[in-house]
């Protein structure tokens, strides 16, 4: 793993708003489990006849990634929800968000897993997290769902579409203005400069 820990105070407001908008819009309102969000996701799944939405909150995702094994069962979901409620009772919202933003998986650098917004900002955009633009913040937030699929290094077109979806969600929630949305929407997707060819002997390069 490669990780650069950040304090929530370092994260620009745009990054916080982008993550909350796309991952858990009611984060600052629910107690760890969003029953309304779960109901909405179930209804969407029923209409589609398949799983199209997730009902997990940011707190539940943190519990799942940090404490639990990756398995799908009713018992695991109940445990996940219970632990999320306990975590919310013990910690402030910003503390939970800080843990989440330092824990999330955001792609690969060769054989090394990129974890956290601090490391991802450095790797993908060559800058500190506090210096991210609105478009860059939306890009990283959009990657959380499927980091390797939405990677700006691998699938720029798909990554840009996902970034624009995050920007649209932020606009709908009143987190950015129409001019901000338009400017960020039009911004080209730029990534950090040249790197070593890590696909060649990646484990040796890491060593």
N, C-alpha and C. Protein backbone atom coordinates (compact mmCIF):
# COMPACT_ATOMS: atom_id res chain seq x y z
N UNK A 1 0.83 -1.20 0.00
CA UNK A 1 0.00 0.00 0.00
C UNK A 1 0.87 1.25 0.00
N UNK A 2 0.35 2.29 -0.63
CA UNK A 2 0.98 3.61 -0.59
C UNK A 2 -0.08 4.59 -0.11
N UNK A 3 0.26 5.33 0.95
CA UNK A 3 -0.76 6.18 1.57
C UNK A 3 -0.10 7.45 2.11
N UNK A 4 -0.72 8.58 1.91
CA UNK A 4 -0.26 9.86 2.47
C UNK A 4 -1.42 10.40 3.30
N UNK A 5 -1.30 10.29 4.61
CA UNK A 5 -2.40 10.69 5.49
C UNK A 5 -2.61 12.20 5.43
N UNK A 6 -3.88 12.59 5.43
CA UNK A 6 -4.23 14.01 5.44
C UNK A 6 -5.16 14.30 6.62
N UNK A 7 -5.17 15.54 7.05
CA UNK A 7 -6.13 16.03 8.02
C UNK A 7 -7.32 16.58 7.25
N UNK A 8 -8.50 16.42 7.79
CA UNK A 8 -9.70 16.89 7.10
C UNK A 8 -9.62 18.39 6.80
N UNK A 9 -8.87 19.12 7.61
CA UNK A 9 -8.72 20.56 7.40
C UNK A 9 -7.89 20.87 6.15
N UNK A 10 -7.10 19.90 5.71
CA UNK A 10 -6.32 20.09 4.48
C UNK A 10 -7.19 19.93 3.23
N UNK A 11 -8.25 19.15 3.35
CA UNK A 11 -9.08 18.85 2.18
C UNK A 11 -9.87 20.08 1.76
N UNK A 12 -9.80 20.46 0.50
CA UNK A 12 -10.58 21.61 0.04
C UNK A 12 -12.07 21.30 0.14
N UNK A 13 -12.87 22.35 0.32
CA UNK A 13 -14.32 22.18 0.44
C UNK A 13 -14.89 21.47 -0.77
N UNK A 14 -14.35 21.76 -1.95
CA UNK A 14 -14.85 21.11 -3.17
C UNK A 14 -14.68 19.60 -3.11
N UNK A 15 -13.58 19.13 -2.53
CA UNK A 15 -13.35 17.68 -2.44
C UNK A 15 -14.35 17.05 -1.47
N UNK A 16 -14.53 17.67 -0.33
CA UNK A 16 -15.50 17.16 0.66
C UNK A 16 -16.89 17.12 0.05
N UNK A 17 -17.29 18.21 -0.59
CA UNK A 17 -18.63 18.29 -1.19
C UNK A 17 -18.78 17.25 -2.31
N UNK A 18 -17.72 17.04 -3.08
CA UNK A 18 -17.79 16.07 -4.19
C UNK A 18 -17.97 14.66 -3.67
N UNK A 19 -17.20 14.29 -2.65
CA UNK A 19 -17.28 12.94 -2.07
C UNK A 19 -18.67 12.70 -1.47
N UNK A 20 -19.14 13.66 -0.70
CA UNK A 20 -20.46 13.52 -0.06
C UNK A 20 -21.56 13.48 -1.12
N UNK A 21 -21.45 14.33 -2.14
CA UNK A 21 -22.50 14.41 -3.17
C UNK A 21 -22.66 13.10 -3.91
N UNK A 22 -21.55 12.44 -4.25
CA UNK A 22 -21.64 11.24 -5.09
C UNK A 22 -21.74 9.96 -4.28
N UNK A 23 -21.23 9.96 -3.04
CA UNK A 23 -21.21 8.73 -2.25
C UNK A 23 -22.30 8.65 -1.19
N UNK A 24 -22.70 9.81 -0.64
CA UNK A 24 -23.64 9.77 0.49
C UNK A 24 -24.17 11.18 0.75
N UNK A 25 -25.14 11.58 -0.06
CA UNK A 25 -25.59 12.98 -0.02
C UNK A 25 -26.19 13.39 1.32
N UNK A 26 -26.68 12.42 2.10
CA UNK A 26 -27.27 12.72 3.41
C UNK A 26 -26.31 12.42 4.57
N UNK A 27 -25.02 12.40 4.28
CA UNK A 27 -24.01 12.03 5.26
C UNK A 27 -24.13 12.84 6.55
N UNK A 28 -24.33 14.14 6.43
CA UNK A 28 -24.37 15.00 7.61
C UNK A 28 -25.75 14.99 8.30
N UNK A 29 -26.66 14.19 7.80
CA UNK A 29 -28.02 14.15 8.38
C UNK A 29 -28.35 12.82 9.04
N UNK A 30 -27.85 11.70 8.51
CA UNK A 30 -28.23 10.39 9.05
C UNK A 30 -27.32 9.99 10.22
N UNK A 31 -27.73 8.99 11.01
CA UNK A 31 -26.95 8.55 12.18
C UNK A 31 -25.94 7.45 11.88
N UNK A 32 -25.63 7.22 10.62
CA UNK A 32 -24.71 6.15 10.25
C UNK A 32 -25.32 5.20 9.26
N UNK A 33 -26.65 5.04 9.35
CA UNK A 33 -27.41 4.23 8.40
C UNK A 33 -28.51 5.12 7.83
N UNK A 34 -28.61 5.18 6.53
CA UNK A 34 -29.58 6.03 5.85
C UNK A 34 -30.75 5.18 5.39
N UNK A 35 -31.78 5.08 6.22
CA UNK A 35 -32.91 4.23 5.89
C UNK A 35 -33.62 4.72 4.63
N UNK A 36 -33.69 6.03 4.46
CA UNK A 36 -34.31 6.58 3.25
C UNK A 36 -33.49 6.20 2.02
N UNK A 37 -32.17 6.28 2.14
CA UNK A 37 -31.30 5.91 1.03
C UNK A 37 -31.41 4.43 0.69
N UNK A 38 -31.53 3.58 1.72
CA UNK A 38 -31.69 2.14 1.49
C UNK A 38 -33.01 1.86 0.77
N UNK A 39 -34.08 2.54 1.20
CA UNK A 39 -35.39 2.36 0.55
C UNK A 39 -35.35 2.80 -0.90
N UNK A 40 -34.69 3.93 -1.16
CA UNK A 40 -34.57 4.44 -2.52
C UNK A 40 -33.78 3.47 -3.40
N UNK A 41 -32.70 2.92 -2.84
CA UNK A 41 -31.87 1.97 -3.59
C UNK A 41 -32.64 0.69 -3.89
N UNK A 42 -33.39 0.20 -2.91
CA UNK A 42 -34.18 -1.02 -3.13
C UNK A 42 -35.23 -0.82 -4.21
N UNK A 43 -35.87 0.34 -4.18
CA UNK A 43 -36.89 0.65 -5.19
C UNK A 43 -36.27 0.71 -6.59
N UNK A 44 -35.12 1.35 -6.69
CA UNK A 44 -34.42 1.44 -7.98
C UNK A 44 -34.02 0.05 -8.47
N UNK A 45 -33.57 -0.79 -7.55
CA UNK A 45 -33.19 -2.16 -7.91
C UNK A 45 -34.39 -2.96 -8.40
N UNK A 46 -35.53 -2.79 -7.71
CA UNK A 46 -36.74 -3.51 -8.11
C UNK A 46 -37.20 -3.09 -9.50
N UNK A 47 -37.16 -1.79 -9.77
CA UNK A 47 -37.57 -1.28 -11.08
C UNK A 47 -36.66 -1.80 -12.19
N UNK A 48 -35.36 -1.89 -11.88
CA UNK A 48 -34.38 -2.32 -12.89
C UNK A 48 -34.29 -3.84 -12.99
N UNK A 49 -34.76 -4.52 -11.97
CA UNK A 49 -34.66 -5.98 -11.95
C UNK A 49 -33.27 -6.49 -11.66
N UNK A 50 -32.40 -5.61 -11.16
CA UNK A 50 -31.03 -5.97 -10.80
C UNK A 50 -30.50 -4.91 -9.85
N UNK A 51 -29.32 -5.14 -9.31
CA UNK A 51 -28.72 -4.18 -8.38
C UNK A 51 -28.10 -3.03 -9.17
N UNK A 52 -28.69 -1.84 -9.03
CA UNK A 52 -28.18 -0.68 -9.76
C UNK A 52 -27.73 0.42 -8.80
N UNK A 53 -28.17 0.36 -7.55
CA UNK A 53 -27.78 1.37 -6.57
C UNK A 53 -27.35 0.70 -5.28
N UNK A 54 -26.42 1.34 -4.59
CA UNK A 54 -26.02 0.86 -3.27
C UNK A 54 -26.63 1.74 -2.20
N UNK A 55 -26.97 1.13 -1.07
CA UNK A 55 -27.57 1.91 0.01
C UNK A 55 -26.61 2.20 1.13
N UNK A 56 -25.33 1.83 0.97
CA UNK A 56 -24.36 2.01 2.04
C UNK A 56 -23.96 3.47 2.19
N UNK A 57 -23.90 3.91 3.44
CA UNK A 57 -23.43 5.26 3.74
C UNK A 57 -21.90 5.28 3.76
N UNK A 58 -21.34 6.48 3.85
CA UNK A 58 -19.88 6.61 3.98
C UNK A 58 -19.41 5.88 5.23
N UNK A 59 -20.17 5.99 6.32
CA UNK A 59 -19.79 5.33 7.57
C UNK A 59 -19.80 3.81 7.40
N UNK A 60 -20.80 3.27 6.73
CA UNK A 60 -20.86 1.84 6.47
C UNK A 60 -19.70 1.38 5.58
N UNK A 61 -19.38 2.19 4.58
CA UNK A 61 -18.25 1.85 3.71
C UNK A 61 -16.95 1.80 4.50
N UNK A 62 -16.79 2.77 5.42
CA UNK A 62 -15.59 2.79 6.26
C UNK A 62 -15.50 1.54 7.12
N UNK A 63 -16.62 1.16 7.73
CA UNK A 63 -16.67 -0.05 8.56
C UNK A 63 -16.32 -1.27 7.72
N UNK A 64 -16.92 -1.36 6.52
CA UNK A 64 -16.69 -2.49 5.63
C UNK A 64 -15.22 -2.60 5.24
N UNK A 65 -14.62 -1.47 4.87
CA UNK A 65 -13.24 -1.48 4.39
C UNK A 65 -12.23 -1.69 5.51
N UNK A 66 -12.53 -1.16 6.69
CA UNK A 66 -11.54 -1.11 7.76
C UNK A 66 -11.63 -2.28 8.73
N UNK A 67 -12.85 -2.78 8.96
CA UNK A 67 -13.05 -3.77 10.01
C UNK A 67 -13.53 -5.14 9.54
N UNK A 68 -14.20 -5.21 8.39
CA UNK A 68 -14.88 -6.45 8.02
C UNK A 68 -14.26 -7.11 6.80
N UNK A 69 -14.53 -8.39 6.66
CA UNK A 69 -14.06 -9.14 5.50
C UNK A 69 -15.03 -8.95 4.33
N UNK A 70 -14.53 -8.97 3.09
CA UNK A 70 -15.42 -8.79 1.93
C UNK A 70 -16.28 -10.01 1.66
N UNK A 71 -17.49 -10.00 2.18
CA UNK A 71 -18.44 -11.07 1.93
C UNK A 71 -19.84 -10.48 1.86
N UNK A 72 -20.72 -11.15 1.15
CA UNK A 72 -22.09 -10.66 0.98
C UNK A 72 -23.04 -11.60 1.69
N UNK A 73 -23.62 -11.13 2.79
CA UNK A 73 -24.60 -11.92 3.53
C UNK A 73 -25.46 -10.98 4.36
N UNK A 74 -26.63 -11.46 4.74
CA UNK A 74 -27.53 -10.65 5.56
C UNK A 74 -26.88 -10.34 6.91
N UNK A 75 -26.23 -11.36 7.48
CA UNK A 75 -25.58 -11.17 8.79
C UNK A 75 -24.50 -10.10 8.72
N UNK A 76 -23.72 -10.13 7.62
CA UNK A 76 -22.65 -9.16 7.48
C UNK A 76 -23.21 -7.74 7.35
N UNK A 77 -24.31 -7.60 6.60
CA UNK A 77 -24.93 -6.28 6.43
C UNK A 77 -25.48 -5.76 7.75
N UNK A 78 -26.05 -6.66 8.57
CA UNK A 78 -26.56 -6.26 9.87
C UNK A 78 -25.41 -5.81 10.78
N UNK A 79 -24.33 -6.58 10.76
CA UNK A 79 -23.15 -6.21 11.55
C UNK A 79 -22.57 -4.88 11.08
N UNK A 80 -22.50 -4.70 9.78
CA UNK A 80 -21.99 -3.45 9.19
C UNK A 80 -22.82 -2.25 9.65
N UNK A 81 -24.15 -2.39 9.59
CA UNK A 81 -25.05 -1.30 10.00
C UNK A 81 -24.90 -1.02 11.49
N UNK A 82 -24.82 -2.08 12.30
CA UNK A 82 -24.69 -1.92 13.75
C UNK A 82 -23.39 -1.20 14.11
N UNK A 83 -22.31 -1.61 13.48
CA UNK A 83 -21.01 -0.98 13.74
C UNK A 83 -20.98 0.47 13.27
N UNK A 84 -21.70 0.76 12.18
CA UNK A 84 -21.77 2.14 11.68
C UNK A 84 -22.47 3.04 12.70
N UNK A 85 -23.53 2.54 13.31
CA UNK A 85 -24.26 3.30 14.34
C UNK A 85 -23.36 3.57 15.55
N UNK A 86 -22.58 2.56 15.95
CA UNK A 86 -21.65 2.72 17.07
C UNK A 86 -20.57 3.74 16.73
N UNK A 87 -20.02 3.64 15.53
CA UNK A 87 -18.96 4.56 15.10
C UNK A 87 -19.46 6.01 15.10
N UNK A 88 -20.68 6.20 14.65
CA UNK A 88 -21.26 7.56 14.63
C UNK A 88 -21.50 8.08 16.04
N UNK A 89 -21.79 7.17 16.98
CA UNK A 89 -22.00 7.59 18.36
C UNK A 89 -20.70 8.00 19.04
N UNK A 90 -19.59 7.46 18.56
CA UNK A 90 -18.29 7.70 19.19
C UNK A 90 -17.49 8.83 18.54
N UNK A 91 -17.80 9.14 17.28
CA UNK A 91 -16.98 10.11 16.54
C UNK A 91 -17.83 11.18 15.87
N UNK A 92 -17.22 12.34 15.67
CA UNK A 92 -17.86 13.43 14.93
C UNK A 92 -17.87 13.08 13.44
N UNK A 93 -18.78 13.73 12.71
CA UNK A 93 -18.89 13.47 11.27
C UNK A 93 -17.57 13.73 10.53
N UNK A 94 -16.91 14.83 10.85
CA UNK A 94 -15.67 15.16 10.14
C UNK A 94 -14.56 14.17 10.47
N UNK A 95 -14.57 13.60 11.67
CA UNK A 95 -13.58 12.57 12.02
C UNK A 95 -13.80 11.32 11.17
N UNK A 96 -15.06 10.95 11.00
CA UNK A 96 -15.40 9.78 10.18
C UNK A 96 -15.02 10.03 8.73
N UNK A 97 -15.32 11.22 8.23
CA UNK A 97 -15.00 11.54 6.84
C UNK A 97 -13.49 11.55 6.63
N UNK A 98 -12.73 12.04 7.62
CA UNK A 98 -11.28 12.04 7.51
C UNK A 98 -10.73 10.61 7.44
N UNK A 99 -11.25 9.72 8.31
CA UNK A 99 -10.84 8.32 8.27
C UNK A 99 -11.16 7.69 6.92
N UNK A 100 -12.34 8.00 6.42
CA UNK A 100 -12.79 7.45 5.13
C UNK A 100 -11.89 7.92 3.99
N UNK A 101 -11.59 9.20 3.98
CA UNK A 101 -10.79 9.76 2.89
C UNK A 101 -9.33 9.29 2.93
N UNK A 102 -8.89 8.82 4.09
CA UNK A 102 -7.54 8.27 4.21
C UNK A 102 -7.51 6.77 3.93
N UNK A 103 -8.66 6.11 4.00
CA UNK A 103 -8.72 4.66 3.89
C UNK A 103 -9.06 4.16 2.49
N UNK A 104 -9.89 4.90 1.75
CA UNK A 104 -10.44 4.39 0.50
C UNK A 104 -9.35 4.01 -0.52
N UNK A 105 -9.65 2.94 -1.24
CA UNK A 105 -8.77 2.44 -2.30
C UNK A 105 -9.03 3.25 -3.57
N UNK A 106 -7.94 3.72 -4.20
CA UNK A 106 -8.10 4.58 -5.37
C UNK A 106 -7.17 4.16 -6.52
N UNK A 107 -7.00 2.86 -6.70
CA UNK A 107 -6.28 2.38 -7.87
C UNK A 107 -4.92 1.79 -7.56
N UNK A 108 -4.20 1.48 -8.62
CA UNK A 108 -2.91 0.80 -8.52
C UNK A 108 -1.79 1.60 -9.16
N UNK A 109 -0.60 1.50 -8.54
CA UNK A 109 0.64 1.96 -9.16
C UNK A 109 1.52 0.72 -9.25
N UNK A 110 1.45 0.05 -10.38
CA UNK A 110 2.13 -1.24 -10.49
C UNK A 110 1.49 -2.23 -9.55
N UNK A 111 2.28 -2.80 -8.65
CA UNK A 111 1.75 -3.75 -7.67
C UNK A 111 1.36 -3.08 -6.35
N UNK A 112 1.49 -1.77 -6.30
CA UNK A 112 1.21 -1.03 -5.06
C UNK A 112 -0.19 -0.42 -5.12
N UNK A 113 -0.98 -0.64 -4.07
CA UNK A 113 -2.33 -0.09 -3.99
C UNK A 113 -2.28 1.35 -3.49
N UNK A 114 -2.98 2.23 -4.20
CA UNK A 114 -3.08 3.63 -3.79
C UNK A 114 -4.26 3.77 -2.83
N UNK A 115 -4.00 4.25 -1.62
CA UNK A 115 -5.06 4.44 -0.64
C UNK A 115 -5.09 5.90 -0.19
N UNK A 116 -6.29 6.45 -0.12
CA UNK A 116 -6.46 7.79 0.43
C UNK A 116 -6.35 8.90 -0.59
N UNK A 117 -7.04 9.99 -0.30
CA UNK A 117 -7.07 11.14 -1.20
C UNK A 117 -5.71 11.85 -1.29
N UNK A 118 -4.94 11.83 -0.20
CA UNK A 118 -3.64 12.49 -0.22
C UNK A 118 -2.70 11.87 -1.23
N UNK A 119 -2.60 10.54 -1.20
CA UNK A 119 -1.73 9.82 -2.13
C UNK A 119 -2.28 9.90 -3.56
N UNK A 120 -3.60 9.81 -3.70
CA UNK A 120 -4.21 9.86 -5.03
C UNK A 120 -3.99 11.22 -5.69
N UNK A 121 -4.09 12.29 -4.92
CA UNK A 121 -3.86 13.63 -5.48
C UNK A 121 -2.43 13.75 -6.00
N UNK A 122 -1.48 13.20 -5.25
CA UNK A 122 -0.07 13.24 -5.66
C UNK A 122 0.15 12.39 -6.91
N UNK A 123 -0.43 11.18 -6.91
CA UNK A 123 -0.17 10.23 -7.99
C UNK A 123 -0.81 10.65 -9.31
N UNK A 124 -2.08 11.00 -9.25
CA UNK A 124 -2.81 11.29 -10.49
C UNK A 124 -2.60 12.72 -11.00
N UNK A 125 -2.43 13.67 -10.06
CA UNK A 125 -2.36 15.07 -10.49
C UNK A 125 -1.08 15.78 -10.09
N UNK A 126 -0.19 15.09 -9.37
CA UNK A 126 1.10 15.67 -9.04
C UNK A 126 1.03 16.87 -8.12
N UNK A 127 0.05 16.89 -7.22
CA UNK A 127 -0.09 18.02 -6.32
C UNK A 127 -0.62 17.59 -4.97
N UNK A 128 -0.49 18.48 -3.99
CA UNK A 128 -1.04 18.21 -2.67
C UNK A 128 -2.56 18.30 -2.72
N UNK A 129 -3.21 17.60 -1.80
CA UNK A 129 -4.67 17.54 -1.83
C UNK A 129 -5.31 18.92 -1.70
N UNK A 130 -4.67 19.81 -0.92
CA UNK A 130 -5.26 21.14 -0.72
C UNK A 130 -5.19 22.01 -1.97
N UNK A 131 -4.42 21.59 -2.96
CA UNK A 131 -4.26 22.37 -4.19
C UNK A 131 -5.12 21.86 -5.35
N UNK A 132 -5.95 20.86 -5.10
CA UNK A 132 -6.80 20.30 -6.16
C UNK A 132 -7.80 21.33 -6.67
N UNK A 133 -8.03 21.32 -7.98
CA UNK A 133 -9.08 22.16 -8.56
C UNK A 133 -10.42 21.47 -8.36
N UNK A 134 -11.50 22.18 -8.65
CA UNK A 134 -12.83 21.59 -8.55
C UNK A 134 -12.95 20.37 -9.45
N UNK A 135 -12.48 20.47 -10.68
CA UNK A 135 -12.56 19.34 -11.63
C UNK A 135 -11.76 18.15 -11.14
N UNK A 136 -10.57 18.40 -10.58
CA UNK A 136 -9.73 17.31 -10.07
C UNK A 136 -10.37 16.66 -8.85
N UNK A 137 -10.96 17.47 -7.98
CA UNK A 137 -11.65 16.94 -6.81
C UNK A 137 -12.81 16.04 -7.24
N UNK A 138 -13.57 16.49 -8.23
CA UNK A 138 -14.69 15.69 -8.74
C UNK A 138 -14.20 14.40 -9.39
N UNK A 139 -13.05 14.45 -10.03
CA UNK A 139 -12.48 13.25 -10.66
C UNK A 139 -12.15 12.20 -9.61
N UNK A 140 -11.47 12.60 -8.53
CA UNK A 140 -11.11 11.66 -7.47
C UNK A 140 -12.34 11.11 -6.77
N UNK A 141 -13.32 11.97 -6.52
CA UNK A 141 -14.56 11.51 -5.88
C UNK A 141 -15.27 10.50 -6.77
N UNK A 142 -15.25 10.74 -8.06
CA UNK A 142 -15.92 9.83 -8.99
C UNK A 142 -15.24 8.49 -9.09
N UNK A 143 -13.95 8.43 -8.79
CA UNK A 143 -13.20 7.19 -8.89
C UNK A 143 -13.52 6.20 -7.78
N UNK A 144 -14.06 6.67 -6.66
CA UNK A 144 -14.26 5.82 -5.49
C UNK A 144 -15.06 4.56 -5.83
N UNK A 145 -16.06 4.71 -6.67
CA UNK A 145 -16.95 3.58 -7.00
C UNK A 145 -16.21 2.42 -7.67
N UNK A 146 -15.31 2.74 -8.60
CA UNK A 146 -14.55 1.70 -9.31
C UNK A 146 -13.24 2.32 -9.78
N UNK A 147 -12.24 2.37 -8.90
CA UNK A 147 -11.01 3.15 -9.16
C UNK A 147 -10.26 2.77 -10.43
N UNK A 148 -10.14 1.50 -10.71
CA UNK A 148 -9.38 1.11 -11.89
C UNK A 148 -10.16 1.32 -13.19
N UNK A 149 -11.48 1.18 -13.12
CA UNK A 149 -12.31 1.41 -14.30
C UNK A 149 -12.36 2.90 -14.64
N UNK A 150 -12.49 3.74 -13.61
CA UNK A 150 -12.60 5.19 -13.82
C UNK A 150 -11.25 5.90 -13.75
N UNK A 151 -10.16 5.16 -13.81
CA UNK A 151 -8.84 5.76 -13.72
C UNK A 151 -8.58 6.75 -14.86
N UNK A 152 -8.11 7.96 -14.55
CA UNK A 152 -7.78 8.92 -15.60
C UNK A 152 -6.56 8.50 -16.42
N UNK A 153 -5.82 7.52 -15.93
CA UNK A 153 -4.66 7.03 -16.66
C UNK A 153 -5.02 5.95 -17.67
N UNK A 154 -6.17 5.30 -17.47
CA UNK A 154 -6.55 4.17 -18.32
C UNK A 154 -7.74 4.48 -19.22
N UNK A 155 -8.75 5.13 -18.68
CA UNK A 155 -10.00 5.38 -19.41
C UNK A 155 -10.40 6.84 -19.29
N UNK A 156 -9.73 7.69 -20.04
CA UNK A 156 -9.96 9.13 -19.88
C UNK A 156 -11.39 9.53 -20.24
N UNK A 157 -11.95 8.92 -21.27
CA UNK A 157 -13.32 9.28 -21.68
C UNK A 157 -14.33 8.89 -20.60
N UNK A 158 -14.22 7.66 -20.11
CA UNK A 158 -15.13 7.20 -19.06
C UNK A 158 -14.92 8.00 -17.78
N UNK A 159 -13.66 8.29 -17.46
CA UNK A 159 -13.33 9.08 -16.27
C UNK A 159 -13.94 10.48 -16.35
N UNK A 160 -13.87 11.09 -17.53
CA UNK A 160 -14.43 12.43 -17.72
C UNK A 160 -15.94 12.41 -17.56
N UNK A 161 -16.60 11.38 -18.10
CA UNK A 161 -18.05 11.26 -17.95
C UNK A 161 -18.44 11.14 -16.48
N UNK A 162 -17.68 10.35 -15.75
CA UNK A 162 -17.95 10.17 -14.32
C UNK A 162 -17.70 11.47 -13.56
N UNK A 163 -16.61 12.16 -13.88
CA UNK A 163 -16.33 13.46 -13.26
C UNK A 163 -17.48 14.43 -13.48
N UNK A 164 -17.99 14.46 -14.71
CA UNK A 164 -19.07 15.38 -15.03
C UNK A 164 -20.36 15.02 -14.30
N UNK A 165 -20.57 13.73 -14.05
CA UNK A 165 -21.72 13.31 -13.26
C UNK A 165 -21.61 13.83 -11.83
N UNK A 166 -20.41 13.76 -11.26
CA UNK A 166 -20.18 14.29 -9.92
C UNK A 166 -20.44 15.79 -9.89
N UNK A 167 -19.95 16.50 -10.90
CA UNK A 167 -20.17 17.95 -10.98
C UNK A 167 -21.67 18.27 -11.09
N UNK A 168 -22.39 17.48 -11.88
CA UNK A 168 -23.83 17.68 -12.02
C UNK A 168 -24.54 17.47 -10.70
N UNK A 169 -24.14 16.43 -9.95
CA UNK A 169 -24.74 16.16 -8.65
C UNK A 169 -24.45 17.31 -7.68
N UNK A 170 -23.24 17.85 -7.72
CA UNK A 170 -22.88 18.98 -6.86
C UNK A 170 -23.72 20.21 -7.20
N UNK A 171 -23.96 20.42 -8.49
CA UNK A 171 -24.79 21.54 -8.94
C UNK A 171 -26.21 21.37 -8.45
N UNK A 172 -26.76 20.16 -8.57
CA UNK A 172 -28.12 19.88 -8.14
C UNK A 172 -28.30 20.09 -6.64
N UNK A 173 -27.24 19.80 -5.88
CA UNK A 173 -27.31 19.94 -4.43
C UNK A 173 -26.95 21.35 -3.96
N UNK A 174 -26.65 22.23 -4.89
CA UNK A 174 -26.34 23.61 -4.55
C UNK A 174 -24.95 23.83 -3.98
N UNK A 175 -24.03 22.88 -4.23
CA UNK A 175 -22.67 22.99 -3.71
C UNK A 175 -21.77 23.83 -4.60
N UNK A 176 -22.12 23.95 -5.86
CA UNK A 176 -21.39 24.81 -6.79
C UNK A 176 -22.40 25.61 -7.61
N UNK A 177 -21.93 26.71 -8.18
CA UNK A 177 -22.79 27.57 -8.98
C UNK A 177 -22.77 27.12 -10.44
N UNK A 178 -23.75 27.54 -11.25
CA UNK A 178 -23.72 27.20 -12.68
C UNK A 178 -22.42 27.60 -13.39
N UNK A 179 -21.87 28.82 -13.13
CA UNK A 179 -20.59 29.15 -13.79
C UNK A 179 -19.45 28.22 -13.36
N UNK A 180 -19.42 27.84 -12.08
CA UNK A 180 -18.39 26.90 -11.62
C UNK A 180 -18.55 25.55 -12.31
N UNK A 181 -19.79 25.10 -12.43
CA UNK A 181 -20.07 23.83 -13.09
C UNK A 181 -19.61 23.86 -14.54
N UNK A 182 -19.95 24.92 -15.23
CA UNK A 182 -19.60 25.03 -16.65
C UNK A 182 -18.09 25.06 -16.85
N UNK A 183 -17.39 25.81 -16.00
CA UNK A 183 -15.93 25.92 -16.13
C UNK A 183 -15.25 24.58 -15.86
N UNK A 184 -15.69 23.88 -14.79
CA UNK A 184 -15.09 22.59 -14.45
C UNK A 184 -15.46 21.52 -15.48
N UNK A 185 -16.68 21.59 -15.99
CA UNK A 185 -17.15 20.64 -17.00
C UNK A 185 -16.31 20.75 -18.28
N UNK A 186 -15.91 21.97 -18.58
CA UNK A 186 -15.14 22.21 -19.81
C UNK A 186 -13.65 21.98 -19.64
N UNK A 187 -13.19 21.80 -18.40
CA UNK A 187 -11.75 21.65 -18.15
C UNK A 187 -11.24 20.31 -18.67
N UNK A 188 -10.18 20.32 -19.46
CA UNK A 188 -9.61 19.05 -19.95
C UNK A 188 -9.10 18.20 -18.78
N UNK A 189 -9.13 16.91 -18.95
CA UNK A 189 -8.63 16.00 -17.93
C UNK A 189 -7.12 15.90 -18.06
N UNK A 190 -6.41 16.51 -17.12
CA UNK A 190 -4.95 16.51 -17.15
C UNK A 190 -4.42 15.66 -16.01
N UNK A 191 -3.48 14.81 -16.30
CA UNK A 191 -2.87 13.98 -15.26
C UNK A 191 -1.40 14.33 -15.13
N UNK A 192 -0.77 13.82 -14.07
CA UNK A 192 0.63 14.13 -13.80
C UNK A 192 1.51 13.61 -14.93
N UNK A 193 2.73 14.11 -14.98
CA UNK A 193 3.65 13.84 -16.08
C UNK A 193 4.09 12.39 -16.19
N UNK A 194 5.11 12.16 -17.00
CA UNK A 194 5.54 10.81 -17.34
C UNK A 194 5.99 10.03 -16.10
N UNK A 195 5.81 8.72 -16.18
CA UNK A 195 6.19 7.83 -15.09
C UNK A 195 7.04 6.68 -15.62
N UNK A 196 7.64 5.96 -14.70
CA UNK A 196 8.36 4.74 -15.10
C UNK A 196 7.36 3.75 -15.69
N UNK A 197 7.79 2.92 -16.63
CA UNK A 197 6.90 1.91 -17.21
C UNK A 197 6.66 0.78 -16.23
N UNK A 198 5.73 1.00 -15.28
CA UNK A 198 5.56 0.06 -14.17
C UNK A 198 4.96 -1.27 -14.59
N UNK A 199 4.42 -1.36 -15.81
CA UNK A 199 3.90 -2.64 -16.26
C UNK A 199 5.04 -3.61 -16.58
N UNK A 200 6.25 -3.07 -16.70
CA UNK A 200 7.42 -3.91 -16.95
C UNK A 200 8.13 -4.16 -15.63
N UNK A 201 8.17 -5.42 -15.20
CA UNK A 201 8.87 -5.81 -13.96
C UNK A 201 8.44 -4.95 -12.78
N UNK A 202 7.13 -4.83 -12.59
CA UNK A 202 6.62 -3.91 -11.56
C UNK A 202 7.09 -4.27 -10.15
N UNK A 203 7.18 -5.55 -9.83
CA UNK A 203 7.61 -5.94 -8.48
C UNK A 203 9.09 -5.58 -8.27
N UNK A 204 9.89 -5.70 -9.31
CA UNK A 204 11.30 -5.31 -9.20
C UNK A 204 11.42 -3.81 -9.02
N UNK A 205 10.63 -3.04 -9.76
CA UNK A 205 10.65 -1.58 -9.63
C UNK A 205 10.24 -1.17 -8.22
N UNK A 206 9.21 -1.83 -7.66
CA UNK A 206 8.79 -1.53 -6.30
C UNK A 206 9.90 -1.81 -5.31
N UNK A 207 10.59 -2.95 -5.53
CA UNK A 207 11.69 -3.32 -4.62
C UNK A 207 12.81 -2.29 -4.67
